[in-house]
Protein backbone atom coordinates (compact mmCIF):
# COMPACT_ATOMS: atom_id res chain seq x y z
CA UNK A 1 0.00 0.00 0.00
CA UNK A 2 1.11 3.55 -0.73
CA UNK A 3 2.41 5.37 2.33
CA UNK A 4 0.00 8.00 3.53
CA UNK A 5 1.04 11.63 3.46
CA UNK A 6 -0.79 14.25 5.51
CA UNK A 7 -0.20 17.97 5.64
CA UNK A 8 -0.80 21.14 7.61
CA UNK A 9 -1.04 24.26 5.48
CA UNK A 10 -1.60 27.45 7.50
CA UNK A 11 -1.84 30.93 6.04
CA UNK A 12 0.79 33.12 7.76
CA UNK A 13 -1.45 36.09 8.40
CA UNK A 14 -0.76 36.06 12.14
CA UNK A 15 0.34 33.78 14.99
CA UNK A 16 -1.00 30.26 15.46
CA UNK A 17 -4.44 30.41 17.09
CA UNK A 18 -6.56 27.67 18.61
CA UNK A 19 -8.47 26.85 15.43
CA UNK A 20 -5.24 26.30 13.52
CA UNK A 21 -3.80 24.26 16.38
CA UNK A 22 -6.82 21.94 16.15
CA UNK A 23 -6.24 21.47 12.40
CA UNK A 24 -2.54 20.83 12.97
CA UNK A 25 -3.25 18.30 15.70
CA UNK A 26 -5.93 16.43 13.77
CA UNK A 27 -3.86 16.17 10.60
CA UNK A 28 -0.74 15.17 12.56
CA UNK A 29 -2.40 12.41 14.57
CA UNK A 30 -4.23 11.05 11.54
CA UNK A 31 -1.02 10.80 9.50
CA UNK A 32 1.22 9.46 12.25
CA UNK A 33 -1.33 6.92 13.51
CA UNK A 34 -1.09 5.16 10.15
CA UNK A 35 2.71 5.38 10.05
CA UNK A 36 2.52 8.10 7.42
CA UNK A 37 4.42 11.30 6.75
CA UNK A 38 3.32 14.77 7.82
CA UNK A 39 4.47 17.87 5.97
CA UNK A 40 4.04 21.59 6.58
CA UNK A 41 3.30 24.08 3.81
CA UNK A 42 2.97 27.83 4.27
CA UNK A 43 0.16 29.18 2.12
CA UNK A 44 1.70 32.62 1.73
CA UNK A 45 0.58 33.18 -1.85
CA UNK A 46 -1.81 36.00 -0.91
CA UNK A 47 0.99 38.48 -0.29
CA UNK A 48 -1.23 41.46 0.69
CA UNK A 49 -2.48 39.45 3.70
CA UNK A 50 0.80 37.77 4.65
CA UNK A 51 2.62 38.97 7.78
CA UNK A 52 6.40 38.60 7.21
CA UNK A 53 7.17 37.28 10.70
CA UNK A 54 4.16 34.97 10.96
CA UNK A 55 5.65 31.92 9.21
CA UNK A 56 8.56 31.65 11.63
CA UNK A 57 6.29 32.32 14.60
CA UNK A 58 3.93 29.51 13.55
CA UNK A 59 6.80 27.06 13.07
CA UNK A 60 8.30 27.87 16.46
CA UNK A 61 4.92 27.35 18.12
CA UNK A 62 4.53 23.99 16.40
CA UNK A 63 7.96 22.99 17.67
CA UNK A 64 7.09 23.97 21.25
CA UNK A 65 3.93 21.88 20.91
CA UNK A 66 6.06 18.85 20.04
CA UNK A 67 5.20 18.58 16.34
CA UNK A 68 7.84 17.16 14.02
CA UNK A 69 7.39 17.41 10.26
CA UNK A 70 9.00 15.53 7.39
CA UNK A 71 11.21 17.35 4.90
CA UNK A 72 11.61 21.09 4.44
CA UNK A 73 8.72 23.50 4.85
CA UNK A 74 7.25 24.50 1.48
CA UNK A 75 6.27 28.09 0.72
CA UNK A 76 3.67 28.84 -1.93
CA UNK A 77 5.35 32.15 -2.72
CA UNK A 78 8.28 30.11 -4.09
CA UNK A 79 6.12 27.82 -6.24
CA UNK A 80 4.42 30.24 -8.63
CA UNK A 81 6.11 28.67 -11.68
CA UNK A 82 4.26 25.43 -10.92
CA UNK A 83 0.93 27.24 -10.72
CA UNK A 84 1.69 29.04 -13.98
CA UNK A 85 2.41 25.74 -15.74
CA UNK A 86 -0.86 24.20 -14.53
CA UNK A 87 -2.80 27.33 -15.47
CA UNK A 88 -1.33 27.31 -19.00
CA UNK A 89 -2.31 23.66 -19.43
CA UNK A 90 -5.89 24.51 -18.58
CA UNK A 91 -5.82 27.55 -20.82
CA UNK A 92 -4.46 25.63 -23.82
CA UNK A 93 -7.18 23.02 -23.33
CA UNK A 94 -9.89 25.68 -23.32
CA UNK A 95 -10.83 25.14 -19.68
CA UNK A 96 -10.31 28.76 -18.59
CA UNK A 97 -11.44 32.05 -20.02
CA UNK A 98 -10.77 35.74 -19.54
CA UNK A 99 -13.20 37.72 -17.40
CA UNK A 100 -13.57 41.48 -17.49
CA UNK A 101 -16.03 41.82 -14.60
CA UNK A 102 -15.26 43.83 -11.48
CA UNK A 103 -16.34 42.81 -7.99
CA UNK A 104 -18.98 45.52 -7.94
CA UNK A 105 -20.47 44.20 -11.16
CA UNK A 106 -21.18 40.80 -9.61
CA UNK A 107 -21.96 42.08 -6.11
CA UNK A 108 -25.67 41.27 -6.53
CA UNK A 109 -25.04 37.68 -7.67
CA UNK A 110 -26.22 34.79 -5.52
CA UNK A 111 -24.10 33.69 -2.59
CA UNK A 112 -22.32 30.33 -2.53
CA UNK A 113 -22.39 28.29 0.74
CA UNK A 114 -18.96 29.67 1.67
CA UNK A 115 -20.09 33.27 1.20
CA UNK A 116 -18.44 33.86 -2.18
CA UNK A 117 -20.45 35.28 -5.06
CA UNK A 118 -21.62 32.75 -7.67
CA UNK A 119 -20.38 34.05 -11.01
CA UNK A 120 -23.29 34.29 -13.50
CA UNK A 121 -21.13 33.46 -16.54
CA UNK A 122 -21.17 36.95 -18.04
CA UNK A 123 -17.87 36.51 -19.92
CA UNK A 124 -18.07 32.76 -20.54
CA UNK A 125 -18.63 33.20 -24.29
CA UNK A 126 -16.05 35.97 -24.66
CA UNK A 127 -15.31 39.49 -23.50
CA UNK A 128 -17.77 42.19 -24.48
CA UNK A 129 -16.52 44.81 -26.90
CA UNK A 130 -14.26 47.31 -25.20
CA UNK A 131 -13.67 45.11 -22.14
CA UNK A 132 -10.20 43.94 -21.10
CA UNK A 133 -9.34 40.79 -19.16
CA UNK A 134 -9.11 41.35 -15.40
CA UNK A 135 -9.01 37.76 -14.21
CA UNK A 136 -9.29 34.22 -15.56
CA UNK A 137 -11.95 31.72 -14.54
CA UNK A 138 -12.29 27.96 -14.94
CA UNK A 139 -15.33 26.54 -16.71
CA UNK A 140 -17.74 24.52 -14.57
CA UNK A 141 -20.62 23.84 -16.98
CA UNK A 142 -22.51 20.73 -15.93
CA UNK A 143 -19.99 19.80 -13.23
CA UNK A 144 -21.38 17.63 -10.46
CA UNK A 145 -18.99 16.35 -7.81
CA UNK A 146 -19.65 13.61 -5.25
CA UNK A 147 -17.12 12.39 -2.71
CA UNK A 148 -17.04 10.61 0.61
CA UNK A 149 -15.63 12.67 3.45
CA UNK A 150 -14.14 10.37 6.09
CA UNK A 151 -16.07 12.18 8.83
CA UNK A 152 -18.88 14.15 7.20
CA UNK A 153 -20.05 11.33 4.91
CA UNK A 154 -21.31 11.62 1.33
CA UNK A 155 -21.03 15.14 -0.06
CA UNK A 156 -22.66 16.28 -3.30
CA UNK A 157 -22.06 19.57 -5.10
CA UNK A 158 -23.47 21.07 -8.28
CA UNK A 159 -20.37 23.16 -8.91
CA UNK A 160 -21.81 25.27 -11.73
CA UNK A 161 -24.81 26.40 -9.70
CA UNK A 162 -23.37 26.31 -6.17
CA UNK A 163 -20.00 27.93 -6.95
CA UNK A 164 -20.01 29.08 -10.57
CA UNK A 165 -16.95 29.57 -12.76
CA UNK A 166 -14.38 30.47 -10.12
CA UNK A 167 -11.23 32.55 -10.44
CA UNK A 168 -7.83 30.90 -11.00
CA UNK A 169 -5.80 34.02 -11.83
CA UNK A 170 -6.82 37.11 -9.91
CA UNK A 171 -7.04 40.67 -11.16
CA UNK A 172 -3.93 41.55 -9.12
CA UNK A 173 -1.91 38.90 -10.97
CA UNK A 174 -1.84 36.37 -8.10
CA UNK A 175 -2.93 32.79 -8.57
CA UNK A 176 -5.98 31.84 -6.54
CA UNK A 177 -5.95 29.53 -3.54
CA UNK A 178 -8.02 26.85 -5.30
CA UNK A 179 -5.43 26.32 -8.03
CA UNK A 180 -2.39 26.58 -5.76
CA UNK A 181 -3.64 24.06 -3.20
CA UNK A 182 -4.49 21.51 -5.91
CA UNK A 183 -1.08 21.83 -7.56
CA UNK A 184 0.69 21.63 -4.19
CA UNK A 185 -1.20 18.60 -2.92
CA UNK A 186 -0.49 16.74 -6.15
CA UNK A 187 3.16 17.81 -6.32
CA UNK A 188 3.78 16.86 -2.69
CA UNK A 189 1.94 13.54 -3.12
CA UNK A 190 -0.53 14.28 -0.33
CA UNK A 191 -2.86 11.32 0.12
CA UNK A 192 -4.98 12.58 3.02
CA UNK A 193 -6.23 16.10 3.64
CA UNK A 194 -7.42 16.73 7.20
CA UNK A 195 -8.61 20.32 7.74
CA UNK A 196 -11.43 22.45 9.08
CA UNK A 197 -15.01 22.08 7.86
CA UNK A 198 -14.96 25.73 6.78
CA UNK A 199 -13.11 24.46 3.69
CA UNK A 200 -15.59 21.69 2.94
CA UNK A 201 -17.37 23.81 0.35
CA UNK A 202 -14.05 24.35 -1.48
CA UNK A 203 -13.41 20.64 -1.88
CA UNK A 204 -15.69 20.10 -4.89
CA UNK A 205 -13.94 22.94 -6.73
CA UNK A 206 -10.58 21.39 -5.95
CA UNK A 207 -11.70 17.95 -7.13
CA UNK A 208 -12.95 19.57 -10.35
CA UNK A 209 -9.47 21.03 -10.95
CA UNK A 210 -7.80 17.74 -10.03
CA UNK A 211 -9.82 15.98 -12.71
CA UNK A 212 -9.10 18.63 -15.33
CA UNK A 213 -5.37 18.39 -14.60
CA UNK A 214 -5.27 14.59 -14.34
CA UNK A 215 -4.28 14.58 -10.65
CA UNK A 216 -5.23 11.95 -8.09
CA UNK A 217 -7.85 13.00 -5.53
CA UNK A 218 -6.76 12.70 -1.88
CA UNK A 219 -9.00 11.37 0.87
CA UNK A 220 -10.67 14.20 2.79
CA UNK A 221 -11.59 14.56 6.45
CA UNK A 222 -13.13 17.86 7.55
CA UNK A 223 -12.92 18.54 11.28
CA UNK A 224 -15.28 20.77 13.27
CA UNK A 225 -14.21 24.41 13.20
CA UNK A 226 -13.59 26.27 16.45
CA UNK A 227 -15.86 29.34 16.67
CA UNK A 228 -16.35 32.08 19.23
CA UNK A 229 -19.53 32.92 21.12
CA UNK A 230 -20.82 34.86 18.08
CA UNK A 231 -20.39 31.83 15.85
CA UNK A 232 -17.41 33.39 14.08
CA UNK A 233 -14.53 31.16 13.03
CA UNK A 234 -11.45 31.81 15.15
CA UNK A 235 -9.09 33.86 13.01
CA UNK A 236 -7.03 37.01 12.99
CA UNK A 237 -10.10 38.88 11.75
CA UNK A 238 -12.23 37.69 14.68
CA UNK A 239 -9.52 38.57 17.20
CA UNK A 240 -8.36 35.03 17.98
CA UNK A 241 -5.52 35.00 20.49
CA UNK A 242 -2.17 33.34 19.88
CA UNK A 243 -1.69 29.97 21.56
CA UNK A 244 1.24 27.90 22.74
CA UNK A 245 1.90 24.39 24.05
CA UNK A 246 -0.41 24.89 27.03
CA UNK A 247 -3.39 24.86 24.62
CA UNK A 248 -2.59 21.37 23.38
CA UNK A 249 -4.65 19.71 26.12
CA UNK A 250 -7.70 21.73 25.12
CA UNK A 251 -7.15 20.89 21.45
CA UNK A 252 -7.16 17.18 22.28
CA UNK A 253 -10.43 17.59 24.17
CA UNK A 254 -11.93 19.59 21.29
CA UNK A 255 -11.24 16.60 19.04
CA UNK A 256 -12.87 14.16 21.44
CA UNK A 257 -9.57 12.76 22.68
CA UNK A 258 -9.45 14.05 26.25
CA UNK A 259 -6.06 13.27 27.74
CA UNK A 260 -5.76 11.20 30.93
CA UNK A 261 -4.63 13.36 33.87
CA UNK A 262 -1.13 11.94 33.96
CA UNK A 263 -0.68 12.51 30.22
CA UNK A 264 -2.16 16.02 30.39
CA UNK A 265 0.59 16.92 32.88
CA UNK A 266 3.31 15.40 30.68
CA UNK A 267 5.45 17.25 28.10
CA UNK A 268 3.91 17.88 24.64
CA UNK A 269 5.81 15.08 22.90
CA UNK A 270 4.33 12.55 25.34
CA UNK A 271 0.86 13.96 24.75
CA UNK A 272 1.31 13.56 21.00
CA UNK A 273 2.63 10.03 21.46
CA UNK A 274 -0.52 9.13 23.44
CA UNK A 275 -2.62 10.76 20.73
CA UNK A 276 -0.99 8.76 17.94
CA UNK A 277 -1.65 5.51 19.79
CA UNK A 278 -5.25 6.39 20.66
CA UNK A 279 -6.35 8.29 17.55
CA UNK A 280 -9.82 7.25 16.36
CA UNK A 281 -12.16 9.02 13.95
CA UNK A 282 -15.09 7.54 15.86
CA UNK A 283 -14.30 9.97 18.70
CA UNK A 284 -14.82 12.99 16.43
CA UNK A 285 -18.12 14.80 16.15
CA UNK A 286 -19.67 15.47 12.75
CA UNK A 287 -20.64 18.99 13.79
CA UNK A 288 -19.14 21.51 11.42
CA UNK A 289 -18.51 24.03 14.20
CA UNK A 290 -17.99 23.95 17.97
CA UNK A 291 -17.94 27.03 20.19
CA UNK A 292 -14.92 27.47 22.48
């Protein structure tokens, strides 16, 4: 059997917060419990949102929490040539098209489940006279995706009507997250993606791109997302505080793997060792969000 490869891919927009620690812990335990590899990738492609010192701060926090990753840390900002090559393949095959629409012009479009606007296909048959390309979108006509999430069960998406033709190359010249993550997971031979349920609605779009590019589709497991009392996902935008190794015990409990008292008082590497031995998906809740 092929060795499993898991990954943790934070966006370095600030220090590691509890929600990200939960994702790191879940992906780490799932990979290590099967004897697999676990890699770390910094998703720093969105340079306007990236905080220069955040990547190092996140890595140091992971180290203090006892995490050990395989191989060097990958940085999306250093991999743009790979995204360009994949984009050109799609373009040559007629799978992407130029779009001249501004955000304000599609502001009244329907909302996708993840809050993004569903593109109505205005430029699908070509740019209107006098319009210049601002971004490039991938075609989704008639695309229906079904997959089995290891925790959430059978998921079905009508990509054309629930997401629309989504952007691969942004108006500011940056490649979009959806393309970058697909290229990275394939290039790094990731077999199992364990992440927060806030990204569940992106998975169908990513599988669509995987199929267009001829990539294998990883197994997916979407964990409950940690939210605050207002129901907001913990993030820099919602004022989530930075965490350190002392939050590891709470992260275990959040994932349904409450540590025995003697292990909870032990160093982080012993806590992780216990977690690897005792990891079980049956202990996880299918709820997409849990308040902390």
